C-alpha cells in the first residue's frame, strides 16, 4: 500500500532535506496551505519496520526574481502561490 503525506517547507535559500521513513518516495506537488509552503510525497507503506530504510529528499525553494544557477540535477516540482502575501514560490527537487 502507498500513501501520500504532506510536509512543510521553510522558505529560505539553499537546499533543504526531508528524511522520509520509506525507501520508495516520490515528490508529487507543492502548494501554499494556510500560509505554509508544503509538499506532498508518495511513500510505500508496505515495508516492514525491520527492513524499512529511510530516504532523503532534497528540495530547493526559489522566489520569483531570485537568481537560479543552471543545474541539470534539479527537477521542477511545482509553482505555489501565496495569495495572502502576494508571493510566488517555485519548488525543485535536487539530486546529488
N, C-alpha and C. Protein backbone atom coordinates (compact mmCIF):
# COMPACT_ATOMS: atom_id res chain seq x y z
N UNK A 1 0.85 -1.17 0.00
CA UNK A 1 0.00 0.00 0.00
C UNK A 1 0.90 1.24 0.00
N UNK A 2 0.44 2.26 -0.67
CA UNK A 2 1.16 3.53 -0.68
C UNK A 2 0.24 4.62 -0.16
N UNK A 3 0.85 5.63 0.44
CA UNK A 3 0.10 6.77 0.97
C UNK A 3 0.79 8.05 0.55
N UNK A 4 0.05 9.13 0.63
CA UNK A 4 0.59 10.45 0.34
C UNK A 4 0.57 11.26 1.63
N UNK A 5 1.73 11.86 1.96
CA UNK A 5 1.86 12.67 3.16
C UNK A 5 2.26 14.09 2.80
N UNK A 6 1.85 15.02 3.66
CA UNK A 6 2.19 16.44 3.48
C UNK A 6 3.33 16.80 4.42
N UNK A 7 4.30 17.56 3.90
CA UNK A 7 5.44 18.04 4.68
C UNK A 7 5.57 19.55 4.48
N UNK A 8 5.82 20.27 5.55
CA UNK A 8 6.02 21.72 5.47
C UNK A 8 7.47 22.02 5.10
N UNK A 9 7.65 23.06 4.28
CA UNK A 9 8.98 23.51 3.90
C UNK A 9 9.26 24.87 4.51
N UNK A 10 10.54 25.16 4.68
CA UNK A 10 10.96 26.50 5.06
C UNK A 10 11.14 27.31 3.79
N UNK A 11 10.82 28.58 3.85
CA UNK A 11 11.05 29.45 2.70
C UNK A 11 12.39 30.13 2.95
N UNK A 12 13.42 29.56 2.33
CA UNK A 12 14.77 30.08 2.51
C UNK A 12 15.62 29.65 1.33
N UNK A 13 16.73 30.35 1.14
CA UNK A 13 17.65 29.97 0.09
C UNK A 13 18.43 28.73 0.52
N UNK A 14 18.86 27.96 -0.45
CA UNK A 14 19.65 26.78 -0.16
C UNK A 14 18.83 25.51 -0.21
N UNK A 15 19.53 24.40 -0.09
CA UNK A 15 18.91 23.09 -0.18
C UNK A 15 18.37 22.68 1.19
N UNK A 16 17.15 22.16 1.19
CA UNK A 16 16.54 21.62 2.40
C UNK A 16 16.45 20.11 2.26
N UNK A 17 16.56 19.41 3.36
CA UNK A 17 16.43 17.96 3.29
C UNK A 17 15.26 17.50 4.15
N UNK A 18 14.53 16.54 3.63
CA UNK A 18 13.46 15.88 4.37
C UNK A 18 13.83 14.41 4.49
N UNK A 19 13.74 13.86 5.68
CA UNK A 19 14.01 12.44 5.87
C UNK A 19 12.68 11.72 5.86
N UNK A 20 12.54 10.82 4.91
CA UNK A 20 11.28 10.11 4.70
C UNK A 20 11.46 8.68 5.18
N UNK A 21 10.50 8.18 5.94
CA UNK A 21 10.58 6.85 6.54
C UNK A 21 10.12 5.78 5.55
N UNK A 22 10.79 5.73 4.40
CA UNK A 22 10.47 4.75 3.38
C UNK A 22 11.58 4.76 2.34
N UNK A 23 11.88 3.59 1.79
CA UNK A 23 12.89 3.55 0.73
C UNK A 23 12.32 4.16 -0.55
N UNK A 24 11.05 3.90 -0.84
CA UNK A 24 10.42 4.47 -2.02
C UNK A 24 9.69 5.75 -1.64
N UNK A 25 9.98 6.81 -2.33
CA UNK A 25 9.21 8.04 -2.16
C UNK A 25 9.30 8.85 -3.44
N UNK A 26 8.25 9.59 -3.70
CA UNK A 26 8.18 10.42 -4.90
C UNK A 26 7.49 11.72 -4.56
N UNK A 27 8.17 12.83 -4.87
CA UNK A 27 7.59 14.15 -4.62
C UNK A 27 6.55 14.40 -5.71
N UNK A 28 5.33 14.73 -5.28
CA UNK A 28 4.23 14.88 -6.23
C UNK A 28 3.92 16.32 -6.59
N UNK A 29 3.85 17.19 -5.57
CA UNK A 29 3.39 18.55 -5.82
C UNK A 29 3.76 19.44 -4.64
N UNK A 30 3.53 20.74 -4.83
CA UNK A 30 3.74 21.72 -3.76
C UNK A 30 2.67 22.79 -3.86
N UNK A 31 2.34 23.39 -2.72
CA UNK A 31 1.35 24.48 -2.70
C UNK A 31 1.45 25.19 -1.35
N UNK A 32 0.81 26.32 -1.26
CA UNK A 32 0.74 27.07 -0.01
C UNK A 32 -0.61 26.79 0.63
N UNK A 33 -0.58 26.30 1.88
CA UNK A 33 -1.79 26.00 2.64
C UNK A 33 -1.74 26.79 3.94
N UNK A 34 -2.71 27.66 4.16
CA UNK A 34 -2.77 28.48 5.38
C UNK A 34 -1.45 29.19 5.66
N UNK A 35 -0.81 29.70 4.62
CA UNK A 35 0.43 30.44 4.76
C UNK A 35 1.69 29.59 4.83
N UNK A 36 1.55 28.26 4.84
CA UNK A 36 2.71 27.36 4.90
C UNK A 36 2.97 26.76 3.52
N UNK A 37 4.23 26.77 3.10
CA UNK A 37 4.62 26.11 1.87
C UNK A 37 4.78 24.62 2.17
N UNK A 38 4.05 23.80 1.43
CA UNK A 38 4.01 22.36 1.69
C UNK A 38 4.30 21.57 0.42
N UNK A 39 4.84 20.36 0.61
CA UNK A 39 4.99 19.40 -0.48
C UNK A 39 4.26 18.13 -0.10
N UNK A 40 3.80 17.42 -1.12
CA UNK A 40 3.15 16.14 -0.92
C UNK A 40 4.04 15.07 -1.52
N UNK A 41 4.29 14.03 -0.70
CA UNK A 41 5.20 12.97 -1.10
C UNK A 41 4.51 11.63 -0.97
N UNK A 42 4.58 10.84 -2.02
CA UNK A 42 4.01 9.49 -2.03
C UNK A 42 5.06 8.54 -1.48
N UNK A 43 4.66 7.72 -0.50
CA UNK A 43 5.60 6.76 0.08
C UNK A 43 5.01 5.36 0.09
N UNK A 44 5.89 4.37 0.17
CA UNK A 44 5.50 2.98 0.24
C UNK A 44 5.32 2.59 1.70
N UNK A 45 4.13 2.19 2.09
CA UNK A 45 3.84 1.83 3.48
C UNK A 45 3.93 0.32 3.71
N UNK A 46 4.25 -0.46 2.69
CA UNK A 46 4.27 -1.91 2.83
C UNK A 46 5.59 -2.43 3.39
N UNK A 47 6.61 -1.59 3.45
CA UNK A 47 7.88 -2.04 4.00
C UNK A 47 7.68 -2.35 5.49
N UNK A 48 8.18 -3.47 5.92
CA UNK A 48 8.04 -3.81 7.34
C UNK A 48 9.04 -2.98 8.15
N UNK A 49 8.75 -2.79 9.41
CA UNK A 49 9.63 -1.99 10.26
C UNK A 49 11.04 -2.55 10.33
N UNK A 50 11.18 -3.88 10.25
CA UNK A 50 12.50 -4.48 10.37
C UNK A 50 13.38 -4.22 9.15
N UNK A 51 12.77 -3.99 8.00
CA UNK A 51 13.57 -3.76 6.78
C UNK A 51 13.39 -2.34 6.24
N UNK A 52 12.63 -1.53 6.94
CA UNK A 52 12.36 -0.18 6.45
C UNK A 52 13.63 0.64 6.45
N UNK A 53 13.87 1.30 5.35
CA UNK A 53 15.01 2.21 5.26
C UNK A 53 14.48 3.61 5.03
N UNK A 54 15.32 4.57 5.25
CA UNK A 54 14.92 5.96 5.10
C UNK A 54 15.47 6.52 3.80
N UNK A 55 14.76 7.45 3.25
CA UNK A 55 15.21 8.18 2.07
C UNK A 55 15.37 9.64 2.46
N UNK A 56 16.29 10.30 1.80
CA UNK A 56 16.45 11.74 2.00
C UNK A 56 16.04 12.42 0.70
N UNK A 57 15.12 13.35 0.83
CA UNK A 57 14.65 14.14 -0.32
C UNK A 57 15.22 15.54 -0.16
N UNK A 58 15.89 16.02 -1.19
CA UNK A 58 16.48 17.36 -1.18
C UNK A 58 15.62 18.29 -2.02
N UNK A 59 15.23 19.40 -1.43
CA UNK A 59 14.36 20.36 -2.12
C UNK A 59 14.96 21.75 -2.06
N UNK A 60 14.65 22.54 -3.09
CA UNK A 60 15.06 23.94 -3.13
C UNK A 60 13.84 24.79 -3.42
N UNK A 61 13.78 25.94 -2.78
CA UNK A 61 12.68 26.88 -2.98
C UNK A 61 13.27 28.18 -3.51
N UNK A 62 12.67 28.68 -4.58
CA UNK A 62 13.09 29.96 -5.15
C UNK A 62 11.87 30.86 -5.27
N UNK A 63 12.06 32.11 -4.94
CA UNK A 63 11.02 33.09 -5.15
C UNK A 63 11.12 33.65 -6.55
N UNK A 64 10.04 34.21 -7.06
CA UNK A 64 10.07 34.84 -8.37
C UNK A 64 11.09 35.97 -8.35
N UNK A 65 11.97 35.99 -9.35
CA UNK A 65 13.00 37.01 -9.45
C UNK A 65 14.31 36.65 -8.78
N UNK A 66 14.33 35.54 -8.02
CA UNK A 66 15.58 35.11 -7.38
C UNK A 66 16.49 34.52 -8.44
N UNK A 67 17.78 34.60 -8.21
CA UNK A 67 18.76 34.03 -9.12
C UNK A 67 18.83 32.51 -8.93
N UNK A 68 18.84 31.78 -10.05
CA UNK A 68 18.93 30.32 -10.02
C UNK A 68 20.11 29.91 -10.90
N UNK A 69 21.05 29.19 -10.32
CA UNK A 69 22.15 28.69 -11.14
C UNK A 69 21.66 27.51 -11.98
N UNK A 70 22.10 27.41 -13.22
CA UNK A 70 21.66 26.29 -14.05
C UNK A 70 22.26 24.99 -13.53
N UNK A 71 21.42 24.04 -13.24
CA UNK A 71 21.89 22.77 -12.70
C UNK A 71 21.05 21.64 -13.27
N UNK A 72 21.66 20.73 -14.02
CA UNK A 72 20.89 19.63 -14.60
C UNK A 72 20.39 18.62 -13.57
N UNK A 73 20.86 18.73 -12.33
CA UNK A 73 20.44 17.79 -11.27
C UNK A 73 19.28 18.35 -10.47
N UNK A 74 18.53 19.25 -11.06
CA UNK A 74 17.39 19.87 -10.39
C UNK A 74 16.14 19.58 -11.23
N UNK A 75 15.07 19.12 -10.57
CA UNK A 75 13.83 18.80 -11.25
C UNK A 75 12.70 19.66 -10.72
N UNK A 76 12.00 20.38 -11.59
CA UNK A 76 10.90 21.24 -11.19
C UNK A 76 9.75 20.39 -10.65
N UNK A 77 9.21 20.82 -9.49
CA UNK A 77 8.07 20.13 -8.87
C UNK A 77 6.78 20.92 -9.09
N UNK A 78 6.77 22.19 -8.66
CA UNK A 78 5.54 22.98 -8.78
C UNK A 78 5.82 24.44 -8.47
N UNK A 79 4.90 25.28 -8.92
CA UNK A 79 4.86 26.69 -8.52
C UNK A 79 3.71 26.84 -7.54
N UNK A 80 3.98 27.47 -6.40
CA UNK A 80 2.97 27.64 -5.35
C UNK A 80 2.73 29.12 -5.11
N UNK A 81 1.48 29.50 -5.10
CA UNK A 81 1.11 30.91 -4.95
C UNK A 81 0.59 31.16 -3.54
N UNK A 82 1.23 32.09 -2.86
CA UNK A 82 0.79 32.53 -1.54
C UNK A 82 -0.07 33.78 -1.75
N UNK A 83 -1.37 33.60 -1.85
CA UNK A 83 -2.28 34.70 -2.17
C UNK A 83 -2.40 35.71 -1.02
N UNK A 84 -2.22 35.25 0.21
CA UNK A 84 -2.30 36.17 1.36
C UNK A 84 -1.20 37.21 1.33
N UNK A 85 0.00 36.80 0.93
CA UNK A 85 1.16 37.69 0.95
C UNK A 85 1.61 38.13 -0.43
N UNK A 86 0.86 37.73 -1.47
CA UNK A 86 1.20 38.07 -2.86
C UNK A 86 2.60 37.64 -3.23
N UNK A 87 2.94 36.40 -2.89
CA UNK A 87 4.26 35.84 -3.21
C UNK A 87 4.09 34.56 -4.01
N UNK A 88 5.08 34.27 -4.84
CA UNK A 88 5.06 33.05 -5.65
C UNK A 88 6.36 32.29 -5.40
N UNK A 89 6.24 31.00 -5.09
CA UNK A 89 7.40 30.14 -4.80
C UNK A 89 7.49 29.04 -5.83
N UNK A 90 8.72 28.69 -6.20
CA UNK A 90 8.98 27.65 -7.18
C UNK A 90 9.81 26.57 -6.49
N UNK A 91 9.28 25.35 -6.47
CA UNK A 91 9.89 24.25 -5.72
C UNK A 91 10.53 23.27 -6.69
N UNK A 92 11.79 22.91 -6.39
CA UNK A 92 12.55 21.98 -7.20
C UNK A 92 13.07 20.87 -6.30
N UNK A 93 13.16 19.65 -6.87
CA UNK A 93 13.84 18.57 -6.18
C UNK A 93 15.28 18.55 -6.69
N UNK A 94 16.22 18.37 -5.78
CA UNK A 94 17.64 18.40 -6.13
C UNK A 94 18.22 17.01 -5.96
N UNK A 95 18.99 16.58 -6.92
CA UNK A 95 19.62 15.24 -6.89
C UNK A 95 21.13 15.42 -6.80
N UNK A 96 21.77 14.61 -5.97
CA UNK A 96 23.23 14.69 -5.81
C UNK A 96 23.86 13.40 -6.27
